[in-house]
Amino acid sequence: MKLLIRNLPRTTTETELRAMFAEHGSVQSCSLVMDKDTNSSKGFGFVEMPKAGEAKAAIKTLNGLEMEGNRIRVKKAETNPGEAADD
């Protein structure tokens, strides 16, 4: 299950994000969205967890968590309508 994490402190690293979610299960991938001009975090990212139960537990536990004064938001990432289209 792919998760969207918003409102992250801009100082958060991918390593920190991965570790936070790894406490709740296996993490398949983790990426922060970076600003191309400044090469700094835009304050959101994605974590992919292969087991839905672990992903749901992470959402329940981490959504609303305060990090450096920011209350992060964690939810299932919306699928891009173009990705599932049948040709």
C-alpha atoms as a PDB file:
ATOM      1  CA  MET A   1       0.000   0.000   0.000  1.00  0.00           C
ATOM      2  CA  LYS A   2       1.378   3.393  -0.978  1.00  0.00           C
ATOM      3  CA  LEU A   3       1.045   6.080   1.680  1.00  0.00           C
ATOM      4  CA  LEU A   4       1.181   9.849   1.315  1.00  0.00           C
ATOM      5  CA  ILE A   5       2.790  11.738   4.191  1.00  0.00           C
ATOM      6  CA  ARG A   6       2.139  15.489   4.274  1.00  0.00           C
ATOM      7  CA  ASN A   7       3.191  18.409   6.475  1.00  0.00           C
ATOM      8  CA  LEU A   8       6.594  16.934   7.257  1.00  0.00           C
ATOM      9  CA  PRO A   9       9.254  19.245   8.682  1.00  0.00           C
ATOM     10  CA  ARG A  10      11.460  20.269   5.772  1.00  0.00           C
ATOM     11  CA  THR A  11      14.464  18.970   7.698  1.00  0.00           C
ATOM     12  CA  THR A  12      13.159  15.374   7.658  1.00  0.00           C
ATOM     13  CA  THR A  13      15.401  12.932   5.782  1.00  0.00           C
ATOM     14  CA  GLU A  14      14.378   9.806   3.870  1.00  0.00           C
ATOM     15  CA  THR A  15      16.301   7.761   6.445  1.00  0.00           C
ATOM     16  CA  GLU A  16      14.231   9.252   9.287  1.00  0.00           C
ATOM     17  CA  LEU A  17      10.985   8.748   7.376  1.00  0.00           C
ATOM     18  CA  ARG A  18      11.849   5.111   6.580  1.00  0.00           C
ATOM     19  CA  ALA A  19      12.781   4.424  10.220  1.00  0.00           C
ATOM     20  CA  MET A  20       9.517   5.938  11.476  1.00  0.00           C
ATOM     21  CA  PHE A  21       7.433   3.632   9.266  1.00  0.00           C
ATOM     22  CA  ALA A  22       9.702   0.583   9.721  1.00  0.00           C
ATOM     23  CA  GLU A  23       8.593   0.521  13.375  1.00  0.00           C
ATOM     24  CA  HIS A  24       5.185  -0.591  12.056  1.00  0.00           C
ATOM     25  CA  GLY A  25       6.285  -3.144   9.473  1.00  0.00           C
ATOM     26  CA  SER A  26       8.315  -3.673   6.334  1.00  0.00           C
ATOM     27  CA  VAL A  27       8.950  -0.676   4.084  1.00  0.00           C
ATOM     28  CA  GLN A  28       9.319  -1.425   0.380  1.00  0.00           C
ATOM     29  CA  SER A  29      10.218   2.130  -0.673  1.00  0.00           C
ATOM     30  CA  CYS A  30      10.453   5.610   0.740  1.00  0.00           C
ATOM     31  CA  SER A  31      10.881   8.939  -1.022  1.00  0.00           C
ATOM     32  CA  LEU A  32      10.676  12.609  -0.150  1.00  0.00           C
ATOM     33  CA  VAL A  33       9.567  15.063  -2.807  1.00  0.00           C
ATOM     34  CA  MET A  34      12.392  17.533  -3.335  1.00  0.00           C
ATOM     35  CA  ASP A  35      12.405  21.050  -4.743  1.00  0.00           C
ATOM     36  CA  LYS A  36      14.502  20.976  -7.924  1.00  0.00           C
ATOM     37  CA  ASP A  37      15.827  24.519  -7.450  1.00  0.00           C
ATOM     38  CA  THR A  38      16.827  24.380  -3.783  1.00  0.00           C
ATOM     39  CA  ASN A  39      17.277  20.594  -3.425  1.00  0.00           C
ATOM     40  CA  SER A  40      15.387  20.766  -0.128  1.00  0.00           C
ATOM     41  CA  SER A  41      12.300  18.829   0.927  1.00  0.00           C
ATOM     42  CA  LYS A  42       8.898  20.163  -0.110  1.00  0.00           C
ATOM     43  CA  GLY A  43       7.464  18.784   3.144  1.00  0.00           C
ATOM     44  CA  PHE A  44       5.805  15.643   1.814  1.00  0.00           C
ATOM     45  CA  GLY A  45       6.707  12.193   0.638  1.00  0.00           C
ATOM     46  CA  PHE A  46       5.610   8.643  -0.048  1.00  0.00           C
ATOM     47  CA  VAL A  47       6.184   5.357   1.743  1.00  0.00           C
ATOM     48  CA  GLU A  48       5.237   2.015   0.254  1.00  0.00           C
ATOM     49  CA  MET A  49       4.452  -0.840   2.613  1.00  0.00           C
ATOM     50  CA  PRO A  50       3.714  -4.252   1.019  1.00  0.00           C
ATOM     51  CA  LYS A  51       1.409  -5.496   3.803  1.00  0.00           C
ATOM     52  CA  ALA A  52      -1.900  -3.616   4.007  1.00  0.00           C
ATOM     53  CA  GLY A  53      -2.388  -4.442   7.699  1.00  0.00           C
ATOM     54  CA  GLU A  54       0.972  -2.925   8.625  1.00  0.00           C
ATOM     55  CA  ALA A  55       0.276   0.136   6.464  1.00  0.00           C
ATOM     56  CA  LYS A  56      -3.102   0.664   8.144  1.00  0.00           C
ATOM     57  CA  ALA A  57      -1.472   0.364  11.584  1.00  0.00           C
ATOM     58  CA  ALA A  58       1.119   2.974  10.544  1.00  0.00           C
ATOM     59  CA  ILE A  59      -1.634   5.332   9.345  1.00  0.00           C
ATOM     60  CA  LYS A  60      -3.560   4.922  12.598  1.00  0.00           C
ATOM     61  CA  THR A  61      -0.488   5.506  14.771  1.00  0.00           C
ATOM     62  CA  LEU A  62       1.359   8.195  12.814  1.00  0.00           C
ATOM     63  CA  ASN A  63      -1.461  10.348  11.408  1.00  0.00           C
ATOM     64  CA  GLY A  64      -1.558  13.503  13.538  1.00  0.00           C
ATOM     65  CA  LEU A  65       1.873  12.872  15.096  1.00  0.00           C
ATOM     66  CA  GLU A  66       3.706  16.057  15.956  1.00  0.00           C
ATOM     67  CA  MET A  67       7.194  16.432  14.502  1.00  0.00           C
ATOM     68  CA  GLU A  68       9.170  19.610  15.183  1.00  0.00           C
ATOM     69  CA  GLY A  69       5.949  21.582  15.645  1.00  0.00           C
ATOM     70  CA  ASN A  70       4.272  20.132  12.533  1.00  0.00           C
ATOM     71  CA  ARG A  71       1.309  17.781  12.840  1.00  0.00           C
ATOM     72  CA  ILE A  72       1.929  15.273  10.032  1.00  0.00           C
ATOM     73  CA  ARG A  73      -0.874  13.751   7.970  1.00  0.00           C
ATOM     74  CA  VAL A  74      -0.672  10.159   6.771  1.00  0.00           C
ATOM     75  CA  LYS A  75      -3.173   8.571   4.398  1.00  0.00           C
ATOM     76  CA  LYS A  76      -3.400   6.071   1.580  1.00  0.00           C
ATOM     77  CA  ALA A  77      -2.062   7.674  -1.590  1.00  0.00           C
ATOM     78  CA  GLU A  78      -4.660   8.184  -4.305  1.00  0.00           C
ATOM     79  CA  THR A  79      -3.995   6.183  -7.439  1.00  0.00           C
ATOM     80  CA  ASN A  80      -3.414   8.203 -10.544  1.00  0.00           C
ATOM     81  CA  PRO A  81      -6.447   7.750 -12.854  1.00  0.00           C
ATOM     82  CA  GLY A  82      -4.087   7.256 -15.807  1.00  0.00           C
ATOM     83  CA  GLU A  83      -2.263   4.355 -14.158  1.00  0.00           C
ATOM     84  CA  ALA A  84      -5.234   1.975 -14.077  1.00  0.00           C
ATOM     85  CA  ALA A  85      -6.584   2.772 -17.544  1.00  0.00           C
ATOM     86  CA  ASP A  86      -7.128  -0.145 -19.917  1.00  0.00           C
ATOM     87  CA  ASP A  87      -5.892   0.526 -23.446  1.00  0.00           C
END
